Amino acid sequence: MKDLGGLMKQAQAMQQKLADAQAKLGELTIDGTAGGGMVTVTLRGSGELAKVVLDETLVEPGEGEVIADLIVAAHADAKRKLDAAQAQMMQEAAGPMAGLMGGMPGMKF
């Protein structure tokens, strides 16, 4: 059996790094855009939609469907970026233990 004390120390250090990474994720904001920048949405690290910015040229009668589609597309763009940022931060926090943590429930890498 390998040095159990050393392994436990590594696990505790990784646990602290993961907690720190989750705290950083809580402060993270990610922007997603659609329509060549005509719609921008901001997501918080939790995935919560924090802000929607519309180009004024979209705010015309008859543009409602276009606006709705662009908001959905911008949200998808931001969510994809947020997921990638979260995975990267957690991967960095887990360090050499990342391979072991990938198979544990609740851990995404």
N, C-alpha and C. Protein backbone atom coordinates (compact mmCIF):
# COMPACT_ATOMS: atom_id res chain seq x y z
N MET A 1 0.85 -1.17 0.00
CA MET A 1 0.00 0.00 0.00
C MET A 1 0.90 1.24 0.00
N LYS A 2 0.52 2.19 -0.82
CA LYS A 2 1.29 3.43 -0.89
C LYS A 2 1.09 4.23 0.38
N ASP A 3 1.84 5.29 0.51
CA ASP A 3 1.78 6.15 1.68
C ASP A 3 0.38 6.75 1.81
N LEU A 4 -0.42 6.18 2.68
CA LEU A 4 -1.80 6.60 2.87
C LEU A 4 -1.87 8.04 3.39
N GLY A 5 -0.96 8.39 4.29
CA GLY A 5 -0.94 9.76 4.83
C GLY A 5 -0.69 10.78 3.73
N GLY A 6 0.24 10.47 2.83
CA GLY A 6 0.54 11.38 1.72
C GLY A 6 -0.64 11.50 0.78
N LEU A 7 -1.31 10.38 0.54
CA LEU A 7 -2.48 10.37 -0.33
C LEU A 7 -3.61 11.20 0.28
N MET A 8 -3.79 11.06 1.59
CA MET A 8 -4.82 11.83 2.28
C MET A 8 -4.51 13.33 2.23
N LYS A 9 -3.23 13.67 2.37
CA LYS A 9 -2.82 15.08 2.30
C LYS A 9 -3.13 15.64 0.92
N GLN A 10 -2.83 14.86 -0.13
CA GLN A 10 -3.12 15.29 -1.50
C GLN A 10 -4.62 15.48 -1.69
N ALA A 11 -5.40 14.55 -1.16
CA ALA A 11 -6.86 14.64 -1.30
C ALA A 11 -7.38 15.89 -0.59
N GLN A 12 -6.86 16.20 0.58
CA GLN A 12 -7.30 17.39 1.32
C GLN A 12 -6.91 18.66 0.57
N ALA A 13 -5.70 18.67 0.01
CA ALA A 13 -5.25 19.83 -0.75
C ALA A 13 -6.13 20.03 -1.98
N MET A 14 -6.46 18.91 -2.65
CA MET A 14 -7.32 18.99 -3.83
C MET A 14 -8.71 19.47 -3.44
N GLN A 15 -9.21 19.00 -2.32
CA GLN A 15 -10.53 19.42 -1.85
C GLN A 15 -10.56 20.93 -1.63
N GLN A 16 -9.49 21.48 -1.05
CA GLN A 16 -9.41 22.92 -0.83
C GLN A 16 -9.35 23.66 -2.17
N LYS A 17 -8.57 23.13 -3.11
CA LYS A 17 -8.47 23.76 -4.43
C LYS A 17 -9.82 23.74 -5.13
N LEU A 18 -10.54 22.64 -5.00
CA LEU A 18 -11.86 22.55 -5.62
C LEU A 18 -12.82 23.56 -4.98
N ALA A 19 -12.76 23.70 -3.68
CA ALA A 19 -13.61 24.67 -2.99
C ALA A 19 -13.27 26.09 -3.45
N ASP A 20 -11.98 26.37 -3.59
CA ASP A 20 -11.55 27.69 -4.07
C ASP A 20 -12.05 27.92 -5.50
N ALA A 21 -11.95 26.89 -6.34
CA ALA A 21 -12.39 27.01 -7.73
C ALA A 21 -13.90 27.25 -7.78
N GLN A 22 -14.66 26.58 -6.95
CA GLN A 22 -16.10 26.79 -6.93
C GLN A 22 -16.44 28.20 -6.48
N ALA A 23 -15.69 28.73 -5.54
CA ALA A 23 -15.91 30.11 -5.12
C ALA A 23 -15.63 31.07 -6.27
N LYS A 24 -14.55 30.81 -7.02
CA LYS A 24 -14.24 31.64 -8.19
C LYS A 24 -15.35 31.55 -9.23
N LEU A 25 -15.89 30.34 -9.41
CA LEU A 25 -16.97 30.16 -10.38
C LEU A 25 -18.18 31.00 -10.00
N GLY A 26 -18.42 31.12 -8.71
CA GLY A 26 -19.55 31.93 -8.25
C GLY A 26 -19.41 33.39 -8.63
N GLU A 27 -18.19 33.86 -8.78
CA GLU A 27 -17.92 35.26 -9.15
C GLU A 27 -17.78 35.45 -10.65
N LEU A 28 -17.69 34.37 -11.40
CA LEU A 28 -17.45 34.41 -12.84
C LEU A 28 -18.66 34.93 -13.59
N THR A 29 -18.42 35.74 -14.61
CA THR A 29 -19.48 36.12 -15.56
C THR A 29 -18.95 35.87 -16.96
N ILE A 30 -19.83 35.40 -17.82
CA ILE A 30 -19.47 35.08 -19.20
C ILE A 30 -20.49 35.73 -20.12
N ASP A 31 -20.01 36.37 -21.19
CA ASP A 31 -20.90 36.96 -22.19
C ASP A 31 -21.01 36.02 -23.38
N GLY A 32 -22.19 35.96 -23.95
CA GLY A 32 -22.44 35.25 -25.19
C GLY A 32 -23.11 36.22 -26.15
N THR A 33 -22.81 36.08 -27.43
CA THR A 33 -23.38 37.00 -28.41
C THR A 33 -24.02 36.24 -29.56
N ALA A 34 -24.89 36.94 -30.27
CA ALA A 34 -25.53 36.39 -31.47
C ALA A 34 -25.85 37.55 -32.40
N GLY A 35 -26.08 37.21 -33.65
CA GLY A 35 -26.45 38.24 -34.62
C GLY A 35 -25.35 39.24 -34.85
N GLY A 36 -24.11 38.76 -34.84
CA GLY A 36 -22.99 39.67 -35.07
C GLY A 36 -22.85 40.73 -33.98
N GLY A 37 -23.23 40.36 -32.76
CA GLY A 37 -23.12 41.29 -31.64
C GLY A 37 -24.37 42.11 -31.39
N MET A 38 -25.43 41.82 -32.12
CA MET A 38 -26.67 42.58 -31.93
C MET A 38 -27.37 42.21 -30.62
N VAL A 39 -27.09 41.00 -30.13
CA VAL A 39 -27.64 40.56 -28.85
C VAL A 39 -26.50 40.02 -28.01
N THR A 40 -26.41 40.47 -26.78
CA THR A 40 -25.41 39.97 -25.83
C THR A 40 -26.12 39.60 -24.55
N VAL A 41 -25.81 38.40 -24.04
CA VAL A 41 -26.33 38.00 -22.73
C VAL A 41 -25.14 37.72 -21.82
N THR A 42 -25.35 37.96 -20.54
CA THR A 42 -24.33 37.70 -19.53
C THR A 42 -24.87 36.66 -18.57
N LEU A 43 -24.08 35.59 -18.38
CA LEU A 43 -24.42 34.54 -17.43
C LEU A 43 -23.49 34.62 -16.24
N ARG A 44 -24.03 34.35 -15.06
CA ARG A 44 -23.20 34.20 -13.87
C ARG A 44 -22.66 32.78 -13.84
N GLY A 45 -21.67 32.55 -13.00
CA GLY A 45 -21.07 31.22 -12.90
C GLY A 45 -22.06 30.12 -12.56
N SER A 46 -23.16 30.48 -11.93
CA SER A 46 -24.20 29.52 -11.57
C SER A 46 -25.07 29.16 -12.77
N GLY A 47 -24.90 29.88 -13.88
CA GLY A 47 -25.72 29.68 -15.05
C GLY A 47 -26.91 30.64 -15.11
N GLU A 48 -27.06 31.44 -14.08
CA GLU A 48 -28.16 32.40 -14.01
C GLU A 48 -27.95 33.51 -15.04
N LEU A 49 -29.01 33.84 -15.78
CA LEU A 49 -28.98 34.92 -16.74
C LEU A 49 -28.97 36.24 -15.97
N ALA A 50 -27.91 37.03 -16.15
CA ALA A 50 -27.74 38.25 -15.38
C ALA A 50 -28.11 39.51 -16.17
N LYS A 51 -27.94 39.46 -17.51
CA LYS A 51 -28.11 40.69 -18.29
C LYS A 51 -28.37 40.35 -19.75
N VAL A 52 -29.20 41.16 -20.39
CA VAL A 52 -29.46 41.05 -21.83
C VAL A 52 -29.28 42.45 -22.41
N VAL A 53 -28.46 42.55 -23.46
CA VAL A 53 -28.25 43.83 -24.14
C VAL A 53 -28.66 43.65 -25.60
N LEU A 54 -29.56 44.52 -26.06
CA LEU A 54 -30.05 44.47 -27.44
C LEU A 54 -29.58 45.70 -28.21
N ASP A 55 -29.13 45.46 -29.44
CA ASP A 55 -28.81 46.58 -30.32
C ASP A 55 -30.12 47.32 -30.60
N GLU A 56 -30.11 48.62 -30.56
CA GLU A 56 -31.33 49.41 -30.73
C GLU A 56 -32.01 49.19 -32.07
N THR A 57 -31.26 48.78 -33.08
CA THR A 57 -31.88 48.56 -34.39
C THR A 57 -32.84 47.38 -34.38
N LEU A 58 -32.73 46.51 -33.38
CA LEU A 58 -33.64 45.37 -33.28
C LEU A 58 -34.99 45.74 -32.70
N VAL A 59 -35.04 46.87 -32.01
CA VAL A 59 -36.25 47.24 -31.29
C VAL A 59 -37.18 48.02 -32.23
N GLU A 60 -37.73 47.29 -33.19
CA GLU A 60 -38.66 47.85 -34.16
C GLU A 60 -39.84 46.90 -34.27
N PRO A 61 -40.99 47.43 -34.62
CA PRO A 61 -42.15 46.55 -34.78
C PRO A 61 -41.86 45.42 -35.77
N GLY A 62 -42.31 44.23 -35.43
CA GLY A 62 -42.12 43.09 -36.31
C GLY A 62 -40.82 42.34 -36.10
N GLU A 63 -39.98 42.80 -35.21
CA GLU A 63 -38.68 42.16 -34.98
C GLU A 63 -38.69 41.23 -33.76
N GLY A 64 -39.84 41.05 -33.13
CA GLY A 64 -39.92 40.26 -31.91
C GLY A 64 -39.40 38.84 -32.06
N GLU A 65 -39.76 38.16 -33.15
CA GLU A 65 -39.31 36.78 -33.35
C GLU A 65 -37.79 36.72 -33.55
N VAL A 66 -37.26 37.67 -34.30
CA VAL A 66 -35.81 37.73 -34.51
C VAL A 66 -35.10 37.95 -33.19
N ILE A 67 -35.62 38.86 -32.38
CA ILE A 67 -35.01 39.15 -31.08
C ILE A 67 -35.02 37.92 -30.20
N ALA A 68 -36.15 37.23 -30.15
CA ALA A 68 -36.26 36.03 -29.33
C ALA A 68 -35.25 34.98 -29.77
N ASP A 69 -35.14 34.75 -31.08
CA ASP A 69 -34.18 33.77 -31.59
C ASP A 69 -32.74 34.15 -31.26
N LEU A 70 -32.42 35.43 -31.36
CA LEU A 70 -31.06 35.88 -31.08
C LEU A 70 -30.74 35.78 -29.58
N ILE A 71 -31.72 36.02 -28.72
CA ILE A 71 -31.48 35.87 -27.29
C ILE A 71 -31.18 34.42 -26.96
N VAL A 72 -31.95 33.50 -27.53
CA VAL A 72 -31.70 32.07 -27.30
C VAL A 72 -30.31 31.69 -27.81
N ALA A 73 -29.94 32.17 -28.99
CA ALA A 73 -28.62 31.85 -29.55
C ALA A 73 -27.49 32.44 -28.70
N ALA A 74 -27.67 33.66 -28.22
CA ALA A 74 -26.65 34.29 -27.38
C ALA A 74 -26.52 33.55 -26.05
N HIS A 75 -27.64 33.11 -25.51
CA HIS A 75 -27.61 32.33 -24.27
C HIS A 75 -26.86 31.02 -24.48
N ALA A 76 -27.13 30.35 -25.59
CA ALA A 76 -26.42 29.09 -25.88
C ALA A 76 -24.92 29.33 -26.01
N ASP A 77 -24.54 30.44 -26.63
CA ASP A 77 -23.12 30.79 -26.77
C ASP A 77 -22.49 31.02 -25.41
N ALA A 78 -23.17 31.77 -24.55
CA ALA A 78 -22.63 32.04 -23.21
C ALA A 78 -22.56 30.76 -22.39
N LYS A 79 -23.58 29.91 -22.49
CA LYS A 79 -23.61 28.67 -21.71
C LYS A 79 -22.47 27.75 -22.13
N ARG A 80 -22.20 27.66 -23.42
CA ARG A 80 -21.09 26.84 -23.92
C ARG A 80 -19.76 27.36 -23.36
N LYS A 81 -19.58 28.67 -23.36
CA LYS A 81 -18.36 29.28 -22.83
C LYS A 81 -18.25 29.05 -21.33
N LEU A 82 -19.38 29.19 -20.63
CA LEU A 82 -19.39 28.98 -19.18
C LEU A 82 -19.03 27.54 -18.84
N ASP A 83 -19.61 26.59 -19.55
CA ASP A 83 -19.30 25.18 -19.31
C ASP A 83 -17.82 24.90 -19.52
N ALA A 84 -17.25 25.47 -20.57
CA ALA A 84 -15.82 25.28 -20.84
C ALA A 84 -14.96 25.90 -19.75
N ALA A 85 -15.33 27.09 -19.30
CA ALA A 85 -14.57 27.75 -18.23
C ALA A 85 -14.66 26.97 -16.93
N GLN A 86 -15.85 26.46 -16.62
CA GLN A 86 -16.02 25.67 -15.41
C GLN A 86 -15.18 24.40 -15.47
N ALA A 87 -15.23 23.71 -16.59
CA ALA A 87 -14.45 22.48 -16.73
C ALA A 87 -12.96 22.76 -16.60
N GLN A 88 -12.48 23.84 -17.20
CA GLN A 88 -11.07 24.19 -17.13
C GLN A 88 -10.66 24.51 -15.70
N MET A 89 -11.48 25.29 -14.99
CA MET A 89 -11.14 25.67 -13.62
C MET A 89 -11.12 24.44 -12.70
N MET A 90 -12.06 23.55 -12.87
CA MET A 90 -12.11 22.36 -12.03
C MET A 90 -10.95 21.42 -12.37
N GLN A 91 -10.60 21.32 -13.65
CA GLN A 91 -9.47 20.50 -14.07
C GLN A 91 -8.19 21.02 -13.43
N GLU A 92 -8.01 22.33 -13.46
CA GLU A 92 -6.82 22.93 -12.86
C GLU A 92 -6.79 22.73 -11.35
N ALA A 93 -7.96 22.83 -10.72
CA ALA A 93 -8.02 22.66 -9.27
C ALA A 93 -7.71 21.23 -8.86
N ALA A 94 -8.18 20.27 -9.65
CA ALA A 94 -7.98 18.86 -9.30
C ALA A 94 -6.55 18.42 -9.55
N GLY A 95 -5.87 19.07 -10.48
CA GLY A 95 -4.48 18.72 -10.78
C GLY A 95 -4.31 17.26 -11.10
N PRO A 96 -3.32 16.59 -10.50
CA PRO A 96 -3.03 15.20 -10.82
C PRO A 96 -4.14 14.24 -10.39
N MET A 97 -5.04 14.69 -9.55
CA MET A 97 -6.13 13.83 -9.10
C MET A 97 -7.32 13.88 -10.05
N ALA A 98 -7.24 14.67 -11.11
CA ALA A 98 -8.37 14.85 -12.02
C ALA A 98 -8.85 13.54 -12.61
N GLY A 99 -7.96 12.65 -12.95
CA GLY A 99 -8.34 11.37 -13.52
C GLY A 99 -9.16 10.54 -12.55
N LEU A 100 -8.83 10.63 -11.28
CA LEU A 100 -9.58 9.89 -10.27
C LEU A 100 -10.95 10.51 -10.04
N MET A 101 -11.02 11.84 -10.10
CA MET A 101 -12.26 12.55 -9.78
C MET A 101 -13.28 12.48 -10.92
N GLY A 102 -12.83 12.26 -12.14
CA GLY A 102 -13.73 12.24 -13.29
C GLY A 102 -14.83 11.21 -13.18
N GLY A 103 -14.59 10.13 -12.47
CA GLY A 103 -15.59 9.09 -12.34
C GLY A 103 -16.45 9.22 -11.11
N MET A 104 -16.24 10.25 -10.31
CA MET A 104 -17.02 10.42 -9.09
C MET A 104 -18.28 11.21 -9.38
N PRO A 105 -19.39 10.83 -8.75
CA PRO A 105 -20.65 11.56 -8.96
C PRO A 105 -20.50 13.03 -8.60
N GLY A 106 -21.07 13.88 -9.44
CA GLY A 106 -21.05 15.31 -9.17
C GLY A 106 -19.81 16.01 -9.67
N MET A 107 -18.84 15.26 -10.15
CA MET A 107 -17.60 15.87 -10.66
C MET A 107 -17.61 15.80 -12.19
N LYS A 108 -17.47 16.95 -12.82
CA LYS A 108 -17.43 17.00 -14.28
C LYS A 108 -16.05 17.47 -14.71
N PHE A 109 -15.43 16.71 -15.57
CA PHE A 109 -14.13 17.09 -16.15
C PHE A 109 -14.15 16.80 -17.60
